[in-house]
Amino acid sequence: MGATYEYTGNLTVPAMIHGAYNAVQFASAYLTATGGV
């Protein structure tokens, strides 16, 4: 994400990537815990 910031010069881009990564991790943990997967 640091490289993304250096490439774009915009903090919003790595923040959005970080949020998307967290959402995927949360969804995976939730589906595993509830037996969805």
Protein backbone atom coordinates (compact mmCIF):
# COMPACT_ATOMS: atom_id res chain seq x y z
CA MET A 1 0.00 0.00 0.00
CA GLY A 2 2.95 2.29 0.52
CA ALA A 3 3.96 1.70 -3.08
CA THR A 4 0.41 2.54 -4.18
CA TYR A 5 0.60 5.82 -2.28
CA GLU A 6 3.98 6.63 -3.79
CA TYR A 7 2.67 5.82 -7.28
CA THR A 8 -0.58 7.79 -7.02
CA GLY A 9 0.34 10.49 -4.50
CA ASN A 10 -3.17 10.11 -3.10
CA LEU A 11 -3.92 8.64 0.33
CA THR A 12 -7.48 7.71 -0.66
CA VAL A 13 -6.34 4.95 -3.03
CA PRO A 14 -4.45 2.83 -0.47
CA ALA A 15 -7.20 3.53 2.09
CA MET A 16 -9.79 2.08 -0.30
CA ILE A 17 -7.57 -0.94 -0.99
CA HIS A 18 -7.16 -1.46 2.74
CA GLY A 19 -10.91 -1.22 3.30
CA ALA A 20 -11.62 -3.72 0.52
CA TYR A 21 -9.04 -6.12 1.94
CA ASN A 22 -10.61 -5.85 5.40
CA ALA A 23 -14.08 -6.46 3.94
CA VAL A 24 -12.92 -9.63 2.18
CA GLN A 25 -11.24 -10.89 5.35
CA PHE A 26 -14.35 -10.15 7.42
CA ALA A 27 -16.65 -11.85 4.93
CA SER A 28 -14.40 -14.91 4.83
CA ALA A 29 -14.26 -15.15 8.63
CA TYR A 30 -18.03 -14.64 8.90
CA LEU A 31 -18.85 -17.31 6.33
CA THR A 32 -16.45 -19.75 7.95
CA ALA A 33 -17.89 -19.11 11.44
CA THR A 34 -21.50 -19.45 10.33
CA GLY A 35 -20.96 -22.49 8.16
CA GLY A 36 -21.55 -20.62 4.93
CA VAL A 37 -18.43 -22.14 3.39
